[in-house]
Structures are given as C-alpha cells and as structure tokens.
Amino acid sequence: MRSRTFVMILLAVAFGALAIFAGQKYLDREASRFRSVQVVQKPAAPTQTIVVAALPLRFANEVTRQHLREIAWPEDAVPKGAFSKIEEVVDGRTRRVALA
C-alpha cells in the first residue's frame, strides 16, 4: 500500500511539472507572437481650426478673447456654423454673450 501511494505522489508531481512546463512554453510562444505584431497607425485625418470656449461660460457673460481658443478639429466633423478664427467671433463691432 505504501509503495502505491508513493508512486501516485511521484506521478502527480511529474504531471504537475509537465503541465507547468507546457503552460510556460505556450505563454512564451504567445508573448513572442504578440511582440512581433506591428502596430499600423492610421493616417492623420485632415483637420480644420475651430473656435471653442477656453473657460466655462455662464449665461449672459460677455464673450471676450480670453474666453476663447482655437483647436484642430476633424474636417468631416466640423459643426455647422462653427467659427474658424477668434477674430470672427470677437470683431469689435458686435457684442457677443453666452446663451447656454
């Protein structure tokens, strides 16, 4: 009975070591395959400059040059009626206030 228990323990250790070895080889192979995959970058979409608020605006605040900034925006997603330059918004002739 003792020898049978000893053989079973040895078999369990051997199969456990084999499982660890096989799992490690599999993980190494997958890691090397993952490292060899090259990342392809998409070409940059054409952009257009639009004017956005640089600071939070409250209702009826007068919009000045300090409240605005220009950012690049994807050309195909420019909102209708967007301004492209701060000078178009703050032209000195009209007074603009925040409505929303």
PDB file of N, CA and C in Angstrom:
ATOM      1  N   MET A   1       0.821  -1.185   0.000  1.00  0.00           N
ATOM      2  CA  MET A   1       0.000   0.000   0.000  1.00  0.00           C
ATOM      3  C   MET A   1       0.862   1.245   0.000  1.00  0.00           C
ATOM      4  N   ARG A   2       1.951   1.196   0.738  1.00  0.00           N
ATOM      5  CA  ARG A   2       2.831   2.360   0.807  1.00  0.00           C
ATOM      6  C   ARG A   2       3.482   2.650  -0.531  1.00  0.00           C
ATOM      7  N   SER A   3       3.879   1.624  -1.219  1.00  0.00           N
ATOM      8  CA  SER A   3       4.556   1.835  -2.494  1.00  0.00           C
ATOM      9  C   SER A   3       3.583   2.415  -3.531  1.00  0.00           C
ATOM     10  N   ARG A   4       2.328   2.008  -3.467  1.00  0.00           N
ATOM     11  CA  ARG A   4       1.331   2.532  -4.396  1.00  0.00           C
ATOM     12  C   ARG A   4       1.104   4.026  -4.138  1.00  0.00           C
ATOM     13  N   THR A   5       1.053   4.443  -2.896  1.00  0.00           N
ATOM     14  CA  THR A   5       0.886   5.857  -2.535  1.00  0.00           C
ATOM     15  C   THR A   5       2.086   6.658  -3.012  1.00  0.00           C
ATOM     16  N   PHE A   6       3.253   6.115  -2.813  1.00  0.00           N
ATOM     17  CA  PHE A   6       4.478   6.795  -3.235  1.00  0.00           C
ATOM     18  C   PHE A   6       4.506   6.962  -4.756  1.00  0.00           C
ATOM     19  N   VAL A   7       4.102   5.950  -5.507  1.00  0.00           N
ATOM     20  CA  VAL A   7       4.059   6.018  -6.978  1.00  0.00           C
ATOM     21  C   VAL A   7       3.043   7.065  -7.419  1.00  0.00           C
ATOM     22  N   MET A   8       1.905   7.116  -6.766  1.00  0.00           N
ATOM     23  CA  MET A   8       0.882   8.108  -7.110  1.00  0.00           C
ATOM     24  C   MET A   8       1.373   9.533  -6.861  1.00  0.00           C
ATOM     25  N   ILE A   9       2.073   9.724  -5.761  1.00  0.00           N
ATOM     26  CA  ILE A   9       2.618  11.056  -5.467  1.00  0.00           C
ATOM     27  C   ILE A   9       3.645  11.443  -6.524  1.00  0.00           C
ATOM     28  N   LEU A  10       4.501  10.497  -6.898  1.00  0.00           N
ATOM     29  CA  LEU A  10       5.501  10.772  -7.938  1.00  0.00           C
ATOM     30  C   LEU A  10       4.834  11.097  -9.279  1.00  0.00           C
ATOM     31  N   LEU A  11       3.786  10.353  -9.636  1.00  0.00           N
ATOM     32  CA  LEU A  11       3.062  10.633 -10.883  1.00  0.00           C
ATOM     33  C   LEU A  11       2.401  12.021 -10.836  1.00  0.00           C
ATOM     34  N   ALA A  12       1.819  12.364  -9.694  1.00  0.00           N
ATOM     35  CA  ALA A  12       1.181  13.672  -9.561  1.00  0.00           C
ATOM     36  C   ALA A  12       2.202  14.795  -9.706  1.00  0.00           C
ATOM     37  N   VAL A  13       3.370  14.639  -9.100  1.00  0.00           N
ATOM     38  CA  VAL A  13       4.426  15.644  -9.211  1.00  0.00           C
ATOM     39  C   VAL A  13       4.912  15.739 -10.654  1.00  0.00           C
ATOM     40  N   ALA A  14       5.088  14.576 -11.310  1.00  0.00           N
ATOM     41  CA  ALA A  14       5.562  14.567 -12.695  1.00  0.00           C
ATOM     42  C   ALA A  14       4.553  15.246 -13.626  1.00  0.00           C
ATOM     43  N   PHE A  15       3.270  14.900 -13.480  1.00  0.00           N
ATOM     44  CA  PHE A  15       2.256  15.522 -14.334  1.00  0.00           C
ATOM     45  C   PHE A  15       2.105  17.019 -14.029  1.00  0.00           C
ATOM     46  N   GLY A  16       2.239  17.399 -12.780  1.00  0.00           N
ATOM     47  CA  GLY A  16       2.191  18.826 -12.422  1.00  0.00           C
ATOM     48  C   GLY A  16       3.339  19.592 -13.047  1.00  0.00           C
ATOM     49  N   ALA A  17       4.547  19.024 -12.975  1.00  0.00           N
ATOM     50  CA  ALA A  17       5.711  19.677 -13.585  1.00  0.00           C
ATOM     51  C   ALA A  17       5.543  19.756 -15.098  1.00  0.00           C
ATOM     52  N   LEU A  18       5.011  18.710 -15.704  1.00  0.00           N
ATOM     53  CA  LEU A  18       4.769  18.707 -17.149  1.00  0.00           C
ATOM     54  C   LEU A  18       3.750  19.785 -17.527  1.00  0.00           C
ATOM     55  N   ALA A  19       2.704  19.913 -16.742  1.00  0.00           N
ATOM     56  CA  ALA A  19       1.693  20.936 -17.014  1.00  0.00           C
ATOM     57  C   ALA A  19       2.290  22.340 -16.893  1.00  0.00           C
ATOM     58  N   ILE A  20       3.114  22.559 -15.889  1.00  0.00           N
ATOM     59  CA  ILE A  20       3.757  23.866 -15.718  1.00  0.00           C
ATOM     60  C   ILE A  20       4.677  24.158 -16.895  1.00  0.00           C
ATOM     61  N   PHE A  21       5.470  23.176 -17.303  1.00  0.00           N
ATOM     62  CA  PHE A  21       6.385  23.346 -18.421  1.00  0.00           C
ATOM     63  C   PHE A  21       5.623  23.652 -19.713  1.00  0.00           C
ATOM     64  N   ALA A  22       4.572  22.895 -19.996  1.00  0.00           N
ATOM     65  CA  ALA A  22       3.788  23.106 -21.219  1.00  0.00           C
ATOM     66  C   ALA A  22       3.101  24.471 -21.193  1.00  0.00           C
ATOM     67  N   GLY A  23       2.565  24.852 -20.055  1.00  0.00           N
ATOM     68  CA  GLY A  23       1.911  26.165 -19.947  1.00  0.00           C
ATOM     69  C   GLY A  23       2.895  27.302 -20.144  1.00  0.00           C
ATOM     70  N   GLN A  24       4.085  27.161 -19.577  1.00  0.00           N
ATOM     71  CA  GLN A  24       5.104  28.207 -19.730  1.00  0.00           C
ATOM     72  C   GLN A  24       5.538  28.335 -21.188  1.00  0.00           C
ATOM     73  N   LYS A  25       5.718  27.218 -21.866  1.00  0.00           N
ATOM     74  CA  LYS A  25       6.092  27.251 -23.289  1.00  0.00           C
ATOM     75  C   LYS A  25       4.995  27.924 -24.116  1.00  0.00           C
ATOM     76  N   TYR A  26       3.745  27.595 -23.826  1.00  0.00           N
ATOM     77  CA  TYR A  26       2.633  28.204 -24.551  1.00  0.00           C
ATOM     78  C   TYR A  26       2.613  29.710 -24.328  1.00  0.00           C
ATOM     79  N   LEU A  27       2.764  30.148 -23.087  1.00  0.00           N
ATOM     80  CA  LEU A  27       2.742  31.583 -22.795  1.00  0.00           C
ATOM     81  C   LEU A  27       3.925  32.301 -23.433  1.00  0.00           C
ATOM     82  N   ASP A  28       5.096  31.695 -23.442  1.00  0.00           N
ATOM     83  CA  ASP A  28       6.261  32.294 -24.100  1.00  0.00           C
ATOM     84  C   ASP A  28       6.028  32.448 -25.605  1.00  0.00           C
ATOM     85  N   ARG A  29       5.448  31.421 -26.215  1.00  0.00           N
ATOM     86  CA  ARG A  29       5.169  31.468 -27.653  1.00  0.00           C
ATOM     87  C   ARG A  29       4.150  32.557 -27.976  1.00  0.00           C
ATOM     88  N   GLU A  30       3.105  32.669 -27.187  1.00  0.00           N
ATOM     89  CA  GLU A  30       2.092  33.707 -27.416  1.00  0.00           C
ATOM     90  C   GLU A  30       2.662  35.104 -27.190  1.00  0.00           C
ATOM     91  N   ALA A  31       3.518  35.247 -26.177  1.00  0.00           N
ATOM     92  CA  ALA A  31       4.121  36.554 -25.908  1.00  0.00           C
ATOM     93  C   ALA A  31       5.036  36.975 -27.049  1.00  0.00           C
ATOM     94  N   SER A  32       5.820  36.043 -27.581  1.00  0.00           N
ATOM     95  CA  SER A  32       6.701  36.405 -28.691  1.00  0.00           C
ATOM     96  C   SER A  32       5.897  36.716 -29.944  1.00  0.00           C
ATOM     97  N   ARG A  33       4.796  36.018 -30.156  1.00  0.00           N
ATOM     98  CA  ARG A  33       3.923  36.316 -31.303  1.00  0.00           C
ATOM     99  C   ARG A  33       3.298  37.690 -31.141  1.00  0.00           C
ATOM    100  N   PHE A  34       2.898  38.018 -29.932  1.00  0.00           N
ATOM    101  CA  PHE A  34       2.279  39.319 -29.668  1.00  0.00           C
ATOM    102  C   PHE A  34       3.293  40.441 -29.870  1.00  0.00           C
ATOM    103  N   ARG A  35       4.547  40.225 -29.458  1.00  0.00           N
ATOM    104  CA  ARG A  35       5.581  41.246 -29.629  1.00  0.00           C
ATOM    105  C   ARG A  35       5.922  41.452 -31.091  1.00  0.00           C
ATOM    106  N   SER A  36       5.784  40.418 -31.920  1.00  0.00           N
ATOM    107  CA  SER A  36       6.158  40.532 -33.325  1.00  0.00           C
ATOM    108  C   SER A  36       5.092  41.239 -34.161  1.00  0.00           C
ATOM    109  N   VAL A  37       3.883  41.386 -33.638  1.00  0.00           N
ATOM    110  CA  VAL A  37       2.826  42.079 -34.363  1.00  0.00           C
ATOM    111  C   VAL A  37       3.162  43.565 -34.391  1.00  0.00           C
ATOM    112  N   GLN A  38       3.163  44.136 -35.578  1.00  0.00           N
ATOM    113  CA  GLN A  38       3.494  45.545 -35.715  1.00  0.00           C
ATOM    114  C   GLN A  38       2.217  46.375 -35.673  1.00  0.00           C
ATOM    115  N   VAL A  39       2.323  47.516 -35.032  1.00  0.00           N
ATOM    116  CA  VAL A  39       1.185  48.420 -34.929  1.00  0.00           C
ATOM    117  C   VAL A  39       1.185  49.319 -36.160  1.00  0.00           C
ATOM    118  N   VAL A  40       0.060  49.342 -36.854  1.00  0.00           N
ATOM    119  CA  VAL A  40      -0.079  50.184 -38.028  1.00  0.00           C
ATOM    120  C   VAL A  40      -0.890  51.402 -37.629  1.00  0.00           C
ATOM    121  N   GLN A  41      -0.316  52.561 -37.825  1.00  0.00           N
ATOM    122  CA  GLN A  41      -1.014  53.794 -37.462  1.00  0.00           C
ATOM    123  C   GLN A  41      -1.865  54.260 -38.638  1.00  0.00           C
ATOM    124  N   LYS A  42      -3.041  54.746 -38.303  1.00  0.00           N
ATOM    125  CA  LYS A  42      -3.915  55.305 -39.323  1.00  0.00           C
ATOM    126  C   LYS A  42      -3.333  56.636 -39.791  1.00  0.00           C
ATOM    127  N   PRO A  43      -3.505  56.950 -41.041  1.00  0.00           N
ATOM    128  CA  PRO A  43      -3.060  58.273 -41.482  1.00  0.00           C
ATOM    129  C   PRO A  43      -3.910  59.340 -40.797  1.00  0.00           C
ATOM    130  N   ALA A  44      -3.285  60.436 -40.481  1.00  0.00           N
ATOM    131  CA  ALA A  44      -3.982  61.507 -39.775  1.00  0.00           C
ATOM    132  C   ALA A  44      -5.088  62.078 -40.658  1.00  0.00           C
ATOM    133  N   ALA A  45      -6.262  62.231 -40.081  1.00  0.00           N
ATOM    134  CA  ALA A  45      -7.387  62.800 -40.810  1.00  0.00           C
ATOM    135  C   ALA A  45      -7.138  64.292 -41.001  1.00  0.00           C
ATOM    136  N   PRO A  46      -7.558  64.841 -42.122  1.00  0.00           N
ATOM    137  CA  PRO A  46      -7.380  66.286 -42.319  1.00  0.00           C
ATOM    138  C   PRO A  46      -8.182  67.063 -41.269  1.00  0.00           C
ATOM    139  N   THR A  47      -7.578  68.127 -40.765  1.00  0.00           N
ATOM    140  CA  THR A  47      -8.227  68.907 -39.720  1.00  0.00           C
ATOM    141  C   THR A  47      -8.447  70.332 -40.169  1.00  0.00           C
ATOM    142  N   GLN A  48      -9.313  70.996 -39.443  1.00  0.00           N
ATOM    143  CA  GLN A  48      -9.621  72.401 -39.665  1.00  0.00           C
ATOM    144  C   GLN A  48      -9.643  73.074 -38.296  1.00  0.00           C
ATOM    145  N   THR A  49      -9.259  74.311 -38.223  1.00  0.00           N
ATOM    146  CA  THR A  49      -9.257  75.039 -36.961  1.00  0.00           C
ATOM    147  C   THR A  49     -10.660  75.553 -36.667  1.00  0.00           C
ATOM    148  N   ILE A  50     -11.109  75.357 -35.404  1.00  0.00           N
ATOM    149  CA  ILE A  50     -12.382  75.938 -34.965  1.00  0.00           C
ATOM    150  C   ILE A  50     -12.165  76.638 -33.634  1.00  0.00           C
ATOM    151  N   VAL A  51     -13.093  77.509 -33.290  1.00  0.00           N
ATOM    152  CA  VAL A  51     -13.023  78.272 -32.046  1.00  0.00           C
ATOM    153  C   VAL A  51     -13.916  77.597 -31.008  1.00  0.00           C
ATOM    154  N   VAL A  52     -13.352  77.376 -29.808  1.00  0.00           N
ATOM    155  CA  VAL A  52     -14.098  76.780 -28.703  1.00  0.00           C
ATOM    156  C   VAL A  52     -13.891  77.619 -27.453  1.00  0.00           C
ATOM    157  N   ALA A  53     -14.707  77.374 -26.449  1.00  0.00           N
ATOM    158  CA  ALA A  53     -14.571  78.094 -25.185  1.00  0.00           C
ATOM    159  C   ALA A  53     -13.362  77.563 -24.425  1.00  0.00           C
ATOM    160  N   ALA A  54     -12.532  78.461 -23.942  1.00  0.00           N
ATOM    161  CA  ALA A  54     -11.363  78.070 -23.157  1.00  0.00           C
ATOM    162  C   ALA A  54     -11.701  77.986 -21.681  1.00  0.00           C
ATOM    163  N   LEU A  55     -12.757  78.651 -21.265  1.00  0.00           N
ATOM    164  CA  LEU A  55     -13.197  78.682 -19.874  1.00  0.00           C
ATOM    165  C   LEU A  55     -14.691  78.382 -19.829  1.00  0.00           C
ATOM    166  N   PRO A  56     -15.193  77.922 -18.694  1.00  0.00           N
ATOM    167  CA  PRO A  56     -16.640  77.750 -18.574  1.00  0.00           C
ATOM    168  C   PRO A  56     -17.342  79.103 -18.685  1.00  0.00           C
ATOM    169  N   LEU A  57     -18.407  79.149 -19.461  1.00  0.00           N
ATOM    170  CA  LEU A  57     -19.164  80.395 -19.647  1.00  0.00           C
ATOM    171  C   LEU A  57     -20.509  80.285 -18.948  1.00  0.00           C
ATOM    172  N   ARG A  58     -20.895  81.334 -18.270  1.00  0.00           N
ATOM    173  CA  ARG A  58     -22.214  81.382 -17.631  1.00  0.00           C
ATOM    174  C   ARG A  58     -23.170  82.163 -18.531  1.00  0.00           C
ATOM    175  N   PHE A  59     -24.441  81.957 -18.324  1.00  0.00           N
ATOM    176  CA  PHE A  59     -25.463  82.633 -19.114  1.00  0.00           C
ATOM    177  C   PHE A  59     -25.279  84.146 -19.014  1.00  0.00           C
ATOM    178  N   ALA A  60     -25.298  84.805 -20.137  1.00  0.00           N
ATOM    179  CA  ALA A  60     -25.228  86.269 -20.284  1.00  0.00           C
ATOM    180  C   ALA A  60     -23.838  86.845 -20.032  1.00  0.00           C
ATOM    181  N   ASN A  61     -22.811  86.016 -19.868  1.00  0.00           N
ATOM    182  CA  ASN A  61     -21.444  86.538 -19.791  1.00  0.00           C
ATOM    183  C   ASN A  61     -21.029  87.036 -21.166  1.00  0.00           C
ATOM    184  N   GLU A  62     -20.356  88.174 -21.192  1.00  0.00           N
ATOM    185  CA  GLU A  62     -19.851  88.675 -22.463  1.00  0.00           C
ATOM    186  C   GLU A  62     -18.643  87.823 -22.869  1.00  0.00           C
ATOM    187  N   VAL A  63     -18.638  87.422 -24.126  1.00  0.00           N
ATOM    188  CA  VAL A  63     -17.560  86.570 -24.640  1.00  0.00           C
ATOM    189  C   VAL A  63     -16.433  87.472 -25.134  1.00  0.00           C
ATOM    190  N   THR A  64     -15.246  87.295 -24.551  1.00  0.00           N
ATOM    191  CA  THR A  64     -14.072  88.065 -24.952  1.00  0.00           C
ATOM    192  C   THR A  64     -12.992  87.131 -25.477  1.00  0.00           C
ATOM    193  N   ARG A  65     -11.924  87.705 -25.958  1.00  0.00           N
ATOM    194  CA  ARG A  65     -10.813  86.925 -26.497  1.00  0.00           C
ATOM    195  C   ARG A  65     -10.249  85.944 -25.464  1.00  0.00           C
ATOM    196  N   GLN A  66     -10.256  86.312 -24.181  1.00  0.00           N
ATOM    197  CA  GLN A  66      -9.713  85.450 -23.130  1.00  0.00           C
ATOM    198  C   GLN A  66     -10.575  84.200 -22.895  1.00  0.00           C
ATOM    199  N   HIS A  67     -11.825  84.264 -23.294  1.00  0.00           N
ATOM    200  CA  HIS A  67     -12.739  83.135 -23.115  1.00  0.00           C
ATOM    201  C   HIS A  67     -12.629  82.100 -24.232  1.00  0.00           C
ATOM    202  N   LEU A  68     -11.878  82.390 -25.288  1.00  0.00           N
ATOM    203  CA  LEU A  68     -11.865  81.542 -26.476  1.00  0.00           C
ATOM    204  C   LEU A  68     -10.468  81.014 -26.778  1.00  0.00           C
ATOM    205  N   ARG A  69     -10.450  79.916 -27.531  1.00  0.00           N
ATOM    206  CA  ARG A  69      -9.197  79.395 -28.061  1.00  0.00           C
ATOM    207  C   ARG A  69      -9.489  78.628 -29.347  1.00  0.00           C
ATOM    208  N   GLU A  70      -8.457  78.469 -30.168  1.00  0.00           N
ATOM    209  CA  GLU A  70      -8.587  77.753 -31.430  1.00  0.00           C
ATOM    210  C   GLU A  70      -7.979  76.358 -31.269  1.00  0.00           C
ATOM    211  N   ILE A  71      -8.691  75.350 -31.789  1.00  0.00           N
ATOM    212  CA  ILE A  71      -8.190  73.973 -31.740  1.00  0.00           C
ATOM    213  C   ILE A  71      -8.363  73.324 -33.108  1.00  0.00           C
ATOM    214  N   ALA A  72      -7.597  72.270 -33.352  1.00  0.00           N
ATOM    215  CA  ALA A  72      -7.751  71.484 -34.579  1.00  0.00           C
ATOM    216  C   ALA A  72      -8.908  70.509 -34.395  1.00  0.00           C
ATOM    217  N   TRP A  73      -9.736  70.378 -35.417  1.00  0.00           N
ATOM    218  CA  TRP A  73     -10.919  69.523 -35.362  1.00  0.00           C
ATOM    219  C   TRP A  73     -10.993  68.725 -36.666  1.00  0.00           C
ATOM    220  N   PRO A  74     -11.414  67.456 -36.636  1.00  0.00           N
ATOM    221  CA  PRO A  74     -11.522  66.697 -37.888  1.00  0.00           C
ATOM    222  C   PRO A  74     -12.424  67.413 -38.883  1.00  0.00           C
ATOM    223  N   GLU A  75     -11.928  67.520 -40.100  1.00  0.00           N
ATOM    224  CA  GLU A  75     -12.611  68.307 -41.116  1.00  0.00           C
ATOM    225  C   GLU A  75     -14.017  67.798 -41.425  1.00  0.00           C
ATOM    226  N   ASP A  76     -14.221  66.495 -41.361  1.00  0.00           N
ATOM    227  CA  ASP A  76     -15.537  65.939 -41.695  1.00  0.00           C
ATOM    228  C   ASP A  76     -16.527  66.009 -40.533  1.00  0.00           C
ATOM    229  N   ALA A  77     -16.103  66.508 -39.366  1.00  0.00           N
ATOM    230  CA  ALA A  77     -16.991  66.580 -38.205  1.00  0.00           C
ATOM    231  C   ALA A  77     -17.136  68.003 -37.671  1.00  0.00           C
ATOM    232  N   VAL A  78     -16.809  68.990 -38.478  1.00  0.00           N
ATOM    233  CA  VAL A  78     -16.921  70.384 -38.029  1.00  0.00           C
ATOM    234  C   VAL A  78     -18.402  70.742 -37.901  1.00  0.00           C
ATOM    235  N   PRO A  79     -18.826  71.266 -36.743  1.00  0.00           N
ATOM    236  CA  PRO A  79     -20.234  71.637 -36.568  1.00  0.00           C
ATOM    237  C   PRO A  79     -20.634  72.756 -37.529  1.00  0.00           C
ATOM    238  N   LYS A  80     -21.863  72.709 -37.957  1.00  0.00           N
ATOM    239  CA  LYS A  80     -22.374  73.733 -38.871  1.00  0.00           C
ATOM    240  C   LYS A  80     -22.360  75.084 -38.153  1.00  0.00           C
ATOM    241  N   GLY A  81     -21.845  76.096 -38.810  1.00  0.00           N
ATOM    242  CA  GLY A  81     -21.805  77.433 -38.244  1.00  0.00           C
ATOM    243  C   GLY A  81     -20.628  77.696 -37.327  1.00  0.00           C
ATOM    244  N   ALA A  82     -19.666  76.779 -37.273  1.00  0.00           N
ATOM    245  CA  ALA A  82     -18.502  76.961 -36.399  1.00  0.00           C
ATOM    246  C   ALA A  82     -17.600  78.057 -36.948  1.00  0.00           C
ATOM    247  N   PHE A  83     -16.985  78.807 -36.047  1.00  0.00           N
ATOM    248  CA  PHE A  83     -16.041  79.845 -36.435  1.00  0.00           C
ATOM    249  C   PHE A  83     -14.651  79.229 -36.553  1.00  0.00           C
ATOM    250  N   SER A  84     -13.850  79.750 -37.499  1.00  0.00           N
ATOM    251  CA  SER A  84     -12.507  79.203 -37.674  1.00  0.00           C
ATOM    252  C   SER A  84     -11.426  80.086 -37.056  1.00  0.00           C
ATOM    253  N   LYS A  85     -11.718  81.326 -36.788  1.00  0.00           N
ATOM    254  CA  LYS A  85     -10.749  82.250 -36.184  1.00  0.00           C
ATOM    255  C   LYS A  85     -11.428  83.028 -35.061  1.00  0.00           C
ATOM    256  N   ILE A  86     -10.647  83.350 -34.033  1.00  0.00           N
ATOM    257  CA  ILE A  86     -11.186  84.125 -32.907  1.00  0.00           C
ATOM    258  C   ILE A  86     -11.626  85.506 -33.380  1.00  0.00           C
ATOM    259  N   GLU A  87     -10.933  86.062 -34.370  1.00  0.00           N
ATOM    260  CA  GLU A  87     -11.284  87.389 -34.882  1.00  0.00           C
ATOM    261  C   GLU A  87     -12.689  87.424 -35.483  1.00  0.00           C
ATOM    262  N   GLU A  88     -13.184  86.297 -35.956  1.00  0.00           N
ATOM    263  CA  GLU A  88     -14.549  86.238 -36.488  1.00  0.00           C
ATOM    264  C   GLU A  88     -15.584  86.367 -35.371  1.00  0.00           C
ATOM    265  N   VAL A  89     -15.246  85.885 -34.191  1.00  0.00           N
ATOM    266  CA  VAL A  89     -16.179  85.928 -33.061  1.00  0.00           C
ATOM    267  C   VAL A  89     -16.109  87.295 -32.380  1.00  0.00           C
ATOM    268  N   VAL A  90     -14.903  87.733 -32.078  1.00  0.00           N
ATOM    269  CA  VAL A  90     -14.696  88.997 -31.367  1.00  0.00           C
ATOM    270  C   VAL A  90     -14.148  89.995 -32.377  1.00  0.00           C
ATOM    271  N   ASP A  91     -15.053  90.627 -33.111  1.00  0.00           N
ATOM    272  CA  ASP A  91     -14.605  91.540 -34.162  1.00  0.00           C
ATOM    273  C   ASP A  91     -14.590  93.002 -33.723  1.00  0.00           C
ATOM    274  N   GLY A  92     -15.048  93.299 -32.530  1.00  0.00           N
ATOM    275  CA  GLY A  92     -15.045  94.671 -32.028  1.00  0.00           C
ATOM    276  C   GLY A  92     -16.287  95.459 -32.407  1.00  0.00           C
ATOM    277  N   ARG A  93     -17.070  94.981 -33.335  1.00  0.00           N
ATOM    278  CA  ARG A  93     -18.285  95.686 -33.755  1.00  0.00           C
ATOM    279  C   ARG A  93     -19.528  95.144 -33.058  1.00  0.00           C
ATOM    280  N   THR A  94     -19.548  93.854 -32.818  1.00  0.00           N
ATOM    281  CA  THR A  94     -20.726  93.250 -32.192  1.00  0.00           C
ATOM    282  C   THR A  94     -20.370  92.739 -30.802  1.00  0.00           C
ATOM    283  N   ARG A  95     -21.349  92.808 -29.921  1.00  0.00           N
ATOM    284  CA  ARG A  95     -21.184  92.306 -28.554  1.00  0.00           C
ATOM    285  C   ARG A  95     -21.794  90.914 -28.494  1.00  0.00           C
ATOM    286  N   ARG A  96     -20.991  89.927 -28.114  1.00  0.00           N
ATOM    287  CA  ARG A  96     -21.489  88.547 -28.043  1.00  0.00           C
ATOM    288  C   ARG A  96     -21.590  88.124 -26.578  1.00  0.00           C
ATOM    289  N   VAL A  97     -22.685  87.434 -26.257  1.00  0.00           N
ATOM    290  CA  VAL A  97     -22.893  86.933 -24.903  1.00  0.00           C
ATOM    291  C   VAL A  97     -23.224  85.443 -24.976  1.00  0.00           C
ATOM    292  N   ALA A  98     -22.923  84.743 -23.886  1.00  0.00           N
ATOM    293  CA  ALA A  98     -23.212  83.309 -23.807  1.00  0.00           C
ATOM    294  C   ALA A  98     -24.709  83.112 -23.583  1.00  0.00           C
ATOM    295  N   LEU A  99     -25.307  82.246 -24.368  1.00  0.00           N
ATOM    296  CA  LEU A  99     -26.742  81.974 -24.224  1.00  0.00           C
ATOM    297  C   LEU A  99     -27.013  80.618 -23.588  1.00  0.00           C
ATOM    298  N   ALA A 100     -26.054  79.763 -23.570  1.00  0.00           N
ATOM    299  CA  ALA A 100     -26.262  78.425 -22.991  1.00  0.00           C
ATOM    300  C   ALA A 100     -25.034  77.996 -22.234  1.00  0.00           C
TER     301      ALA A 100
END
